[in-house]
Amino acid sequence: MATLQLPNTDARLTYLAIQYHLARPGSELDHESGRPAGSGLSSVAAALEPQLDKAVAEIELNNDQQQRLDSAIGGSINELKTSPLLEAGGRGTIPAFTETLRRLFPEAADDPNEALSLAGHMLQLRRRIAAQALPEADAPDEERQAWWQVWKRRS
């Protein structure tokens, strides 16, 4: 499990990405069983929302949640890049995302080009989160690593 400490802007961008994720149908379902995932991002959103006004927010993510957050950030970047293409006051493909964007970043509602700047910040955030979680994700799992090395298996 990775613990992330996010400065205020990063925390708001993370929350925006989570809202994007939660607004997509089926986003909190387990891909294999089709049942609600036990480790989705809704619990992360609930933990992060009260911290949005703090200078630094802290969240914990397991590997599944980190993969979901990475996907959500990617989708949010695409959504932010399309903002300038919409007419003034237009809505994106996910209304909850647009509403959260206007609430967390009011300057993006006034200047659509500000959304492009936020997309750049979100891409940097994606890279930082991946770099922070990388050491844990790359730690070799003994069972996973040695499945083919029969002579190294322990009884």
N, C-alpha and C. Protein backbone atom coordinates (compact mmCIF):
# COMPACT_ATOMS: atom_id res chain seq x y z
N MET A 1 0.85 -1.17 0.00
CA MET A 1 0.00 0.00 0.00
C MET A 1 0.90 1.23 0.00
N ALA A 2 0.63 2.16 -0.88
CA ALA A 2 1.42 3.38 -1.00
C ALA A 2 0.69 4.54 -0.33
N THR A 3 1.42 5.32 0.44
CA THR A 3 0.88 6.53 1.05
C THR A 3 1.37 7.72 0.25
N LEU A 4 0.44 8.51 -0.25
CA LEU A 4 0.79 9.68 -1.05
C LEU A 4 0.48 10.95 -0.27
N GLN A 5 1.43 11.87 -0.27
CA GLN A 5 1.21 13.19 0.30
C GLN A 5 1.12 14.15 -0.87
N LEU A 6 -0.03 14.79 -0.99
CA LEU A 6 -0.32 15.63 -2.14
C LEU A 6 -0.47 17.08 -1.73
N PRO A 7 0.30 17.99 -2.36
CA PRO A 7 0.05 19.42 -2.13
C PRO A 7 -1.37 19.76 -2.57
N ASN A 8 -1.86 20.91 -2.18
CA ASN A 8 -3.26 21.28 -2.39
C ASN A 8 -3.70 21.15 -3.84
N THR A 9 -2.94 21.70 -4.77
CA THR A 9 -3.34 21.63 -6.18
C THR A 9 -3.38 20.18 -6.66
N ASP A 10 -2.39 19.40 -6.27
CA ASP A 10 -2.38 17.99 -6.66
C ASP A 10 -3.55 17.23 -6.04
N ALA A 11 -3.89 17.57 -4.80
CA ALA A 11 -5.03 16.92 -4.15
C ALA A 11 -6.32 17.24 -4.89
N ARG A 12 -6.49 18.50 -5.29
CA ARG A 12 -7.70 18.86 -6.03
C ARG A 12 -7.74 18.19 -7.39
N LEU A 13 -6.59 18.09 -8.07
CA LEU A 13 -6.55 17.40 -9.36
C LEU A 13 -6.84 15.91 -9.19
N THR A 14 -6.32 15.32 -8.13
CA THR A 14 -6.59 13.90 -7.86
C THR A 14 -8.07 13.69 -7.60
N TYR A 15 -8.67 14.57 -6.81
CA TYR A 15 -10.10 14.46 -6.53
C TYR A 15 -10.91 14.62 -7.81
N LEU A 16 -10.50 15.53 -8.67
CA LEU A 16 -11.18 15.73 -9.95
C LEU A 16 -11.11 14.45 -10.79
N ALA A 17 -9.94 13.82 -10.83
CA ALA A 17 -9.79 12.58 -11.58
C ALA A 17 -10.65 11.46 -10.99
N ILE A 18 -10.72 11.41 -9.67
CA ILE A 18 -11.55 10.39 -9.03
C ILE A 18 -13.02 10.61 -9.36
N GLN A 19 -13.46 11.86 -9.39
CA GLN A 19 -14.85 12.15 -9.75
C GLN A 19 -15.12 11.74 -11.20
N TYR A 20 -14.14 11.93 -12.07
CA TYR A 20 -14.27 11.47 -13.45
C TYR A 20 -14.47 9.95 -13.46
N HIS A 21 -13.64 9.27 -12.71
CA HIS A 21 -13.70 7.80 -12.64
C HIS A 21 -15.05 7.32 -12.11
N LEU A 22 -15.50 7.92 -11.02
CA LEU A 22 -16.74 7.47 -10.39
C LEU A 22 -17.97 7.75 -11.25
N ALA A 23 -17.88 8.72 -12.14
CA ALA A 23 -19.02 9.06 -12.99
C ALA A 23 -19.17 8.10 -14.17
N ARG A 24 -18.15 7.33 -14.45
CA ARG A 24 -18.23 6.37 -15.56
C ARG A 24 -18.98 5.12 -15.12
N PRO A 25 -19.93 4.67 -15.90
CA PRO A 25 -20.68 3.46 -15.54
C PRO A 25 -19.76 2.24 -15.45
N GLY A 26 -19.91 1.50 -14.37
CA GLY A 26 -19.13 0.28 -14.20
C GLY A 26 -17.71 0.48 -13.72
N SER A 27 -17.37 1.69 -13.37
CA SER A 27 -15.99 1.97 -12.99
C SER A 27 -15.57 1.31 -11.69
N GLU A 28 -16.52 1.05 -10.82
CA GLU A 28 -16.20 0.46 -9.52
C GLU A 28 -16.49 -1.04 -9.48
N LEU A 29 -16.60 -1.66 -10.65
CA LEU A 29 -16.84 -3.09 -10.71
C LEU A 29 -15.52 -3.83 -10.89
N ASP A 30 -15.45 -5.02 -10.31
CA ASP A 30 -14.29 -5.88 -10.49
C ASP A 30 -14.32 -6.38 -11.93
N HIS A 31 -13.21 -6.30 -12.61
CA HIS A 31 -13.17 -6.67 -14.03
C HIS A 31 -13.39 -8.16 -14.25
N GLU A 32 -13.00 -8.98 -13.30
CA GLU A 32 -13.12 -10.42 -13.47
C GLU A 32 -14.49 -10.95 -13.10
N SER A 33 -15.02 -10.49 -11.96
CA SER A 33 -16.29 -11.04 -11.48
C SER A 33 -17.50 -10.21 -11.88
N GLY A 34 -17.31 -8.94 -12.20
CA GLY A 34 -18.43 -8.07 -12.53
C GLY A 34 -19.19 -7.58 -11.31
N ARG A 35 -18.67 -7.86 -10.14
CA ARG A 35 -19.28 -7.41 -8.88
C ARG A 35 -18.56 -6.17 -8.38
N PRO A 36 -19.18 -5.45 -7.46
CA PRO A 36 -18.52 -4.24 -6.93
C PRO A 36 -17.14 -4.57 -6.35
N ALA A 37 -16.18 -3.75 -6.73
CA ALA A 37 -14.80 -3.95 -6.27
C ALA A 37 -14.68 -3.52 -4.81
N GLY A 38 -13.97 -4.29 -4.05
CA GLY A 38 -13.76 -3.96 -2.64
C GLY A 38 -12.78 -2.82 -2.46
N SER A 39 -11.94 -2.62 -3.44
CA SER A 39 -10.92 -1.58 -3.31
C SER A 39 -11.03 -0.56 -4.45
N GLY A 40 -12.17 0.05 -4.56
CA GLY A 40 -12.37 1.06 -5.59
C GLY A 40 -11.91 2.43 -5.11
N LEU A 41 -12.19 3.44 -5.90
CA LEU A 41 -11.75 4.79 -5.56
C LEU A 41 -12.78 5.59 -4.76
N SER A 42 -13.96 5.04 -4.53
CA SER A 42 -14.96 5.79 -3.76
C SER A 42 -14.49 6.02 -2.33
N SER A 43 -13.80 5.05 -1.75
CA SER A 43 -13.28 5.24 -0.39
C SER A 43 -12.15 6.27 -0.37
N VAL A 44 -11.38 6.33 -1.44
CA VAL A 44 -10.30 7.32 -1.54
C VAL A 44 -10.91 8.72 -1.67
N ALA A 45 -11.98 8.84 -2.45
CA ALA A 45 -12.65 10.13 -2.60
C ALA A 45 -13.21 10.60 -1.26
N ALA A 46 -13.79 9.67 -0.50
CA ALA A 46 -14.35 10.03 0.81
C ALA A 46 -13.25 10.48 1.77
N ALA A 47 -12.07 9.88 1.67
CA ALA A 47 -10.96 10.27 2.53
C ALA A 47 -10.31 11.58 2.08
N LEU A 48 -10.33 11.83 0.77
CA LEU A 48 -9.65 13.01 0.23
C LEU A 48 -10.48 14.28 0.32
N GLU A 49 -11.79 14.18 0.14
CA GLU A 49 -12.63 15.38 0.09
C GLU A 49 -12.49 16.29 1.30
N PRO A 50 -12.49 15.78 2.54
CA PRO A 50 -12.34 16.69 3.69
C PRO A 50 -10.96 17.35 3.77
N GLN A 51 -10.00 16.84 3.01
CA GLN A 51 -8.65 17.38 3.07
C GLN A 51 -8.36 18.39 1.96
N LEU A 52 -9.34 18.69 1.12
CA LEU A 52 -9.09 19.55 -0.04
C LEU A 52 -8.70 20.97 0.32
N ASP A 53 -9.06 21.44 1.51
CA ASP A 53 -8.70 22.80 1.89
C ASP A 53 -7.38 22.85 2.65
N LYS A 54 -6.76 21.71 2.90
CA LYS A 54 -5.48 21.66 3.61
C LYS A 54 -4.33 21.90 2.65
N ALA A 55 -3.18 22.30 3.20
CA ALA A 55 -2.00 22.53 2.37
C ALA A 55 -1.48 21.22 1.79
N VAL A 56 -1.54 20.15 2.58
CA VAL A 56 -1.09 18.84 2.12
C VAL A 56 -2.13 17.80 2.53
N ALA A 57 -2.54 16.99 1.57
CA ALA A 57 -3.49 15.91 1.82
C ALA A 57 -2.74 14.59 1.74
N GLU A 58 -3.23 13.62 2.50
CA GLU A 58 -2.57 12.31 2.51
C GLU A 58 -3.60 11.23 2.22
N ILE A 59 -3.27 10.37 1.26
CA ILE A 59 -4.14 9.25 0.92
C ILE A 59 -3.31 7.98 0.82
N GLU A 60 -3.98 6.86 0.99
CA GLU A 60 -3.33 5.56 0.83
C GLU A 60 -4.00 4.82 -0.31
N LEU A 61 -3.18 4.23 -1.16
CA LEU A 61 -3.68 3.49 -2.31
C LEU A 61 -3.05 2.11 -2.36
N ASN A 62 -3.88 1.10 -2.62
CA ASN A 62 -3.30 -0.21 -2.90
C ASN A 62 -3.02 -0.28 -4.41
N ASN A 63 -2.48 -1.38 -4.88
CA ASN A 63 -2.10 -1.47 -6.30
C ASN A 63 -3.30 -1.32 -7.23
N ASP A 64 -4.43 -1.94 -6.87
CA ASP A 64 -5.63 -1.84 -7.69
C ASP A 64 -6.13 -0.40 -7.76
N GLN A 65 -6.14 0.27 -6.62
CA GLN A 65 -6.59 1.67 -6.59
C GLN A 65 -5.64 2.56 -7.38
N GLN A 66 -4.35 2.26 -7.33
CA GLN A 66 -3.40 3.08 -8.08
C GLN A 66 -3.62 2.91 -9.58
N GLN A 67 -3.91 1.69 -10.02
CA GLN A 67 -4.20 1.46 -11.43
C GLN A 67 -5.47 2.19 -11.85
N ARG A 68 -6.48 2.15 -11.00
CA ARG A 68 -7.73 2.86 -11.31
C ARG A 68 -7.50 4.37 -11.35
N LEU A 69 -6.69 4.88 -10.42
CA LEU A 69 -6.40 6.31 -10.40
C LEU A 69 -5.61 6.71 -11.64
N ASP A 70 -4.67 5.89 -12.06
CA ASP A 70 -3.90 6.18 -13.26
C ASP A 70 -4.82 6.27 -14.48
N SER A 71 -5.75 5.34 -14.57
CA SER A 71 -6.72 5.36 -15.67
C SER A 71 -7.60 6.61 -15.59
N ALA A 72 -8.01 6.96 -14.37
CA ALA A 72 -8.86 8.14 -14.18
C ALA A 72 -8.12 9.42 -14.55
N ILE A 73 -6.85 9.49 -14.21
CA ILE A 73 -6.07 10.68 -14.56
C ILE A 73 -5.93 10.78 -16.07
N GLY A 74 -5.70 9.66 -16.73
CA GLY A 74 -5.62 9.68 -18.19
C GLY A 74 -6.91 10.17 -18.84
N GLY A 75 -8.04 9.69 -18.36
CA GLY A 75 -9.32 10.14 -18.89
C GLY A 75 -9.58 11.60 -18.59
N SER A 76 -9.16 12.04 -17.41
CA SER A 76 -9.34 13.45 -17.03
C SER A 76 -8.50 14.37 -17.90
N ILE A 77 -7.30 13.92 -18.23
CA ILE A 77 -6.45 14.72 -19.11
C ILE A 77 -7.14 14.91 -20.46
N ASN A 78 -7.70 13.83 -20.99
CA ASN A 78 -8.43 13.94 -22.27
C ASN A 78 -9.62 14.88 -22.15
N GLU A 79 -10.33 14.78 -21.04
CA GLU A 79 -11.50 15.64 -20.83
C GLU A 79 -11.06 17.11 -20.74
N LEU A 80 -9.96 17.37 -20.04
CA LEU A 80 -9.46 18.75 -19.92
C LEU A 80 -8.99 19.29 -21.26
N LYS A 81 -8.40 18.43 -22.08
CA LYS A 81 -7.91 18.89 -23.39
C LYS A 81 -9.06 19.26 -24.32
N THR A 82 -10.23 18.68 -24.11
CA THR A 82 -11.36 19.00 -24.99
C THR A 82 -12.12 20.25 -24.52
N SER A 83 -11.86 20.71 -23.30
CA SER A 83 -12.58 21.87 -22.76
C SER A 83 -12.54 23.10 -23.67
N PRO A 84 -11.38 23.48 -24.21
CA PRO A 84 -11.37 24.67 -25.08
C PRO A 84 -12.17 24.49 -26.37
N LEU A 85 -12.41 23.25 -26.77
CA LEU A 85 -13.16 23.00 -28.00
C LEU A 85 -14.66 23.18 -27.82
N LEU A 86 -15.11 23.11 -26.58
CA LEU A 86 -16.53 23.28 -26.31
C LEU A 86 -16.90 24.75 -26.36
N GLU A 87 -18.12 25.02 -26.69
CA GLU A 87 -18.59 26.41 -26.67
C GLU A 87 -18.61 26.90 -25.23
N ALA A 88 -18.64 28.20 -25.06
CA ALA A 88 -18.66 28.78 -23.71
C ALA A 88 -19.84 28.20 -22.94
N GLY A 89 -19.55 27.69 -21.76
CA GLY A 89 -20.60 27.11 -20.93
C GLY A 89 -20.99 25.71 -21.35
N GLY A 90 -20.30 25.16 -22.34
CA GLY A 90 -20.62 23.82 -22.80
C GLY A 90 -20.24 22.77 -21.78
N ARG A 91 -20.84 21.61 -21.94
CA ARG A 91 -20.56 20.53 -21.01
C ARG A 91 -19.74 19.46 -21.72
N GLY A 92 -18.89 18.82 -20.95
CA GLY A 92 -18.11 17.73 -21.48
C GLY A 92 -18.93 16.45 -21.54
N THR A 93 -18.26 15.37 -21.74
CA THR A 93 -18.96 14.10 -21.85
C THR A 93 -19.43 13.58 -20.50
N ILE A 94 -18.83 14.08 -19.42
CA ILE A 94 -19.21 13.64 -18.08
C ILE A 94 -19.60 14.87 -17.26
N PRO A 95 -20.90 15.11 -17.08
CA PRO A 95 -21.35 16.32 -16.37
C PRO A 95 -20.78 16.47 -14.96
N ALA A 96 -20.65 15.37 -14.22
CA ALA A 96 -20.10 15.46 -12.86
C ALA A 96 -18.67 15.98 -12.87
N PHE A 97 -17.93 15.63 -13.91
CA PHE A 97 -16.56 16.11 -14.05
C PHE A 97 -16.55 17.62 -14.26
N THR A 98 -17.41 18.09 -15.14
CA THR A 98 -17.48 19.52 -15.44
C THR A 98 -17.88 20.32 -14.21
N GLU A 99 -18.85 19.82 -13.46
CA GLU A 99 -19.28 20.52 -12.24
C GLU A 99 -18.17 20.55 -11.20
N THR A 100 -17.47 19.44 -11.04
CA THR A 100 -16.37 19.40 -10.07
C THR A 100 -15.23 20.30 -10.52
N LEU A 101 -14.95 20.34 -11.81
CA LEU A 101 -13.92 21.23 -12.34
C LEU A 101 -14.25 22.69 -12.02
N ARG A 102 -15.49 23.07 -12.23
CA ARG A 102 -15.89 24.46 -11.96
C ARG A 102 -15.86 24.78 -10.47
N ARG A 103 -16.13 23.79 -9.63
CA ARG A 103 -16.10 24.01 -8.18
C ARG A 103 -14.67 24.12 -7.67
N LEU A 104 -13.80 23.23 -8.13
CA LEU A 104 -12.42 23.20 -7.63
C LEU A 104 -11.50 24.20 -8.31
N PHE A 105 -11.76 24.47 -9.58
CA PHE A 105 -10.92 25.38 -10.36
C PHE A 105 -11.82 26.38 -11.10
N PRO A 106 -12.35 27.39 -10.39
CA PRO A 106 -13.27 28.33 -11.03
C PRO A 106 -12.64 29.10 -12.18
N GLU A 107 -11.32 29.27 -12.14
CA GLU A 107 -10.66 29.99 -13.23
C GLU A 107 -10.75 29.22 -14.55
N ALA A 108 -10.90 27.91 -14.48
CA ALA A 108 -11.04 27.10 -15.69
C ALA A 108 -12.40 27.32 -16.34
N ALA A 109 -13.40 27.71 -15.55
CA ALA A 109 -14.72 27.99 -16.10
C ALA A 109 -14.71 29.31 -16.87
N ASP A 110 -13.91 30.26 -16.40
CA ASP A 110 -13.84 31.57 -17.06
C ASP A 110 -12.93 31.54 -18.28
N ASP A 111 -11.86 30.79 -18.21
CA ASP A 111 -10.88 30.74 -19.30
C ASP A 111 -10.67 29.29 -19.71
N PRO A 112 -11.26 28.87 -20.81
CA PRO A 112 -11.13 27.48 -21.23
C PRO A 112 -9.68 27.05 -21.46
N ASN A 113 -8.81 28.00 -21.82
CA ASN A 113 -7.41 27.65 -22.02
C ASN A 113 -6.72 27.28 -20.71
N GLU A 114 -7.29 27.71 -19.59
CA GLU A 114 -6.75 27.32 -18.28
C GLU A 114 -6.87 25.81 -18.09
N ALA A 115 -7.86 25.21 -18.71
CA ALA A 115 -8.02 23.75 -18.62
C ALA A 115 -6.83 23.03 -19.25
N LEU A 116 -6.27 23.61 -20.31
CA LEU A 116 -5.08 23.02 -20.92
C LEU A 116 -3.90 23.05 -19.96
N SER A 117 -3.79 24.13 -19.22
CA SER A 117 -2.74 24.23 -18.22
C SER A 117 -2.94 23.17 -17.13
N LEU A 118 -4.19 22.99 -16.72
CA LEU A 118 -4.49 21.96 -15.72
C LEU A 118 -4.17 20.56 -16.26
N ALA A 119 -4.38 20.35 -17.55
CA ALA A 119 -4.06 19.05 -18.15
C ALA A 119 -2.56 18.78 -18.04
N GLY A 120 -1.75 19.81 -18.25
CA GLY A 120 -0.30 19.66 -18.09
C GLY A 120 0.08 19.34 -16.66
N HIS A 121 -0.55 20.03 -15.71
CA HIS A 121 -0.28 19.75 -14.30
C HIS A 121 -0.71 18.33 -13.94
N MET A 122 -1.82 17.89 -14.52
CA MET A 122 -2.32 16.55 -14.22
C MET A 122 -1.38 15.49 -14.79
N LEU A 123 -0.80 15.75 -15.95
CA LEU A 123 0.16 14.81 -16.52
C LEU A 123 1.39 14.69 -15.62
N GLN A 124 1.86 15.83 -15.10
CA GLN A 124 2.98 15.80 -14.16
C GLN A 124 2.61 15.03 -12.90
N LEU A 125 1.39 15.23 -12.42
CA LEU A 125 0.90 14.51 -11.24
C LEU A 125 0.90 13.01 -11.51
N ARG A 126 0.44 12.62 -12.68
CA ARG A 126 0.41 11.20 -13.05
C ARG A 126 1.80 10.59 -12.97
N ARG A 127 2.78 11.32 -13.47
CA ARG A 127 4.16 10.82 -13.45
C ARG A 127 4.71 10.74 -12.04
N ARG A 128 4.39 11.73 -11.20
CA ARG A 128 4.86 11.71 -9.81
C ARG A 128 4.25 10.55 -9.03
N ILE A 129 2.95 10.32 -9.23
CA ILE A 129 2.30 9.21 -8.53
C ILE A 129 2.89 7.88 -8.98
N ALA A 130 3.13 7.74 -10.28
CA ALA A 130 3.73 6.51 -10.79
C ALA A 130 5.14 6.32 -10.22
N ALA A 131 5.90 7.39 -10.11
CA ALA A 131 7.26 7.29 -9.57
C ALA A 131 7.24 6.94 -8.09
N GLN A 132 6.28 7.48 -7.34
CA GLN A 132 6.19 7.17 -5.92
C GLN A 132 5.76 5.74 -5.68
N ALA A 133 4.90 5.23 -6.50
CA ALA A 133 4.38 3.88 -6.31
C ALA A 133 5.26 2.83 -6.98
N LEU A 134 6.17 3.26 -7.84
CA LEU A 134 7.01 2.33 -8.59
C LEU A 134 7.86 1.42 -7.71
N PRO A 135 8.53 1.92 -6.67
CA PRO A 135 9.34 1.00 -5.86
C PRO A 135 8.52 -0.14 -5.26
N GLU A 136 7.33 0.13 -4.80
CA GLU A 136 6.49 -0.93 -4.24
C GLU A 136 5.97 -1.85 -5.32
N ALA A 137 5.59 -1.29 -6.45
CA ALA A 137 5.03 -2.12 -7.52
C ALA A 137 6.11 -3.02 -8.13
N ASP A 138 7.36 -2.56 -8.17
CA ASP A 138 8.43 -3.34 -8.75
C ASP A 138 9.10 -4.29 -7.77
N ALA A 139 8.70 -4.24 -6.51
CA ALA A 139 9.27 -5.16 -5.53
C ALA A 139 8.89 -6.57 -5.94
N PRO A 140 9.88 -7.45 -6.07
CA PRO A 140 9.55 -8.80 -6.55
C PRO A 140 8.74 -9.58 -5.54
N ASP A 141 7.69 -10.14 -6.01
CA ASP A 141 6.87 -11.02 -5.20
C ASP A 141 7.51 -12.40 -5.29
N GLU A 142 7.88 -12.96 -4.16
CA GLU A 142 8.65 -14.20 -4.16
C GLU A 142 7.93 -15.32 -4.91
N GLU A 143 6.64 -15.48 -4.67
CA GLU A 143 5.89 -16.54 -5.35
C GLU A 143 5.76 -16.25 -6.84
N ARG A 144 5.55 -15.00 -7.17
CA ARG A 144 5.35 -14.63 -8.56
C ARG A 144 6.65 -14.73 -9.35
N GLN A 145 7.73 -14.36 -8.72
CA GLN A 145 9.00 -14.34 -9.41
C GLN A 145 9.51 -15.75 -9.70
N ALA A 146 9.35 -16.65 -8.79
CA ALA A 146 9.99 -17.96 -8.90
C ALA A 146 9.04 -19.07 -9.34
N TRP A 147 7.94 -18.76 -9.95
CA TRP A 147 7.00 -19.81 -10.32
C TRP A 147 7.61 -20.81 -11.29
N TRP A 148 8.51 -20.36 -12.12
CA TRP A 148 9.11 -21.25 -13.10
C TRP A 148 10.41 -21.87 -12.59
N GLN A 149 10.93 -21.36 -11.47
CA GLN A 149 12.17 -21.88 -10.91
C GLN A 149 11.84 -22.95 -9.87
N VAL A 150 11.57 -24.13 -10.35
CA VAL A 150 11.13 -25.23 -9.50
C VAL A 150 12.17 -25.52 -8.43
N TRP A 151 13.44 -25.42 -8.77
CA TRP A 151 14.50 -25.75 -7.82
C TRP A 151 14.61 -24.75 -6.68
N LYS A 152 13.99 -23.56 -6.80
CA LYS A 152 14.05 -22.55 -5.75
C LYS A 152 12.80 -22.52 -4.89
N ARG A 153 11.81 -23.31 -5.21
CA ARG A 153 10.57 -23.31 -4.44
C ARG A 153 10.81 -23.86 -3.05
N ARG A 154 10.12 -23.27 -2.11
CA ARG A 154 10.22 -23.73 -0.73
C ARG A 154 9.05 -24.66 -0.43
N SER A 155 9.30 -25.62 0.35
CA SER A 155 8.24 -26.57 0.71
C SER A 155 7.53 -26.14 1.95
